[in-house]
C-alpha atoms as a PDB file:
ATOM      1  CA  MET A   1     219.025  -4.205 -95.258  1.00  0.00           C
ATOM      2  CA  GLY A   2     216.054  -6.192 -94.240  1.00  0.00           C
ATOM      3  CA  PHE A   3     214.406  -3.233 -92.663  1.00  0.00           C
ATOM      4  CA  LEU A   4     214.459  -1.059 -95.896  1.00  0.00           C
ATOM      5  CA  MET A   5     213.377  -3.974 -97.961  1.00  0.00           C
ATOM      6  CA  PHE A   6     210.051  -4.354 -96.208  1.00  0.00           C
ATOM      7  CA  ASP A   7     209.889  -0.543 -95.440  1.00  0.00           C
ATOM      8  CA  LEU A   8     210.321  -0.314 -99.825  1.00  0.00           C
ATOM      9  CA  TYR A   9     207.257  -3.068 -99.684  1.00  0.00           C
ATOM     10  CA  VAL A  10     205.300  -1.354 -97.608  1.00  0.00           C
ATOM     11  CA  ILE A  11     205.132   1.888 -99.894  1.00  0.00           C
ATOM     12  CA  LEU A  12     204.927  -0.493-103.296  1.00  0.00           C
ATOM     13  CA  SER A  13     201.628  -1.893-101.814  1.00  0.00           C
ATOM     14  CA  LYS A  14     200.134   0.914-100.616  1.00  0.00           C
ATOM     15  CA  THR A  15     200.876   2.990-103.720  1.00  0.00           C
ATOM     16  CA  GLU A  16     199.688  -0.948-105.550  1.00  0.00           C
ATOM     17  CA  ILE A  17     195.807  -0.743-103.603  1.00  0.00           C
ATOM     18  CA  LEU A  18     196.332   3.206-104.292  1.00  0.00           C
ATOM     19  CA  HIS A  19     196.557   2.458-107.770  1.00  0.00           C
ATOM     20  CA  LEU A  20     193.795  -0.499-108.440  1.00  0.00           C
ATOM     21  CA  PHE A  21     191.170   1.809-106.061  1.00  0.00           C
ATOM     22  CA  GLU A  22     191.906   4.772-108.538  1.00  0.00           C
ATOM     23  CA  LEU A  23     191.131   2.334-111.486  1.00  0.00           C
ATOM     24  CA  VAL A  24     187.833   1.122-110.038  1.00  0.00           C
ATOM     25  CA  SER A  25     186.557   4.859-109.399  1.00  0.00           C
ATOM     26  CA  PHE A  26     187.943   5.480-113.297  1.00  0.00           C
ATOM     27  CA  THR A  27     185.609   2.885-114.236  1.00  0.00           C
ATOM     28  CA  PHE A  28     182.856   3.140-112.307  1.00  0.00           C
ATOM     29  CA  GLY A  29     182.342   6.814-112.997  1.00  0.00           C
ATOM     30  CA  ALA A  30     183.398   6.122-117.043  1.00  0.00           C
ATOM     31  CA  THR A  31     179.976   3.522-116.125  1.00  0.00           C
ATOM     32  CA  THR A  32     177.898   5.947-114.767  1.00  0.00           C
ATOM     33  CA  GLN A  33     178.106   8.468-117.367  1.00  0.00           C
ATOM     34  CA  LEU A  34     176.842   5.954-119.844  1.00  0.00           C
END
């Protein structure tokens, strides 16, 4: 149970970092287009 929760937490944190990177790259691209 503990390992499963930890694995889920790691997966969620990784996806959160990916979403944050995606958002940053998207805003950067939008500002460069302006």
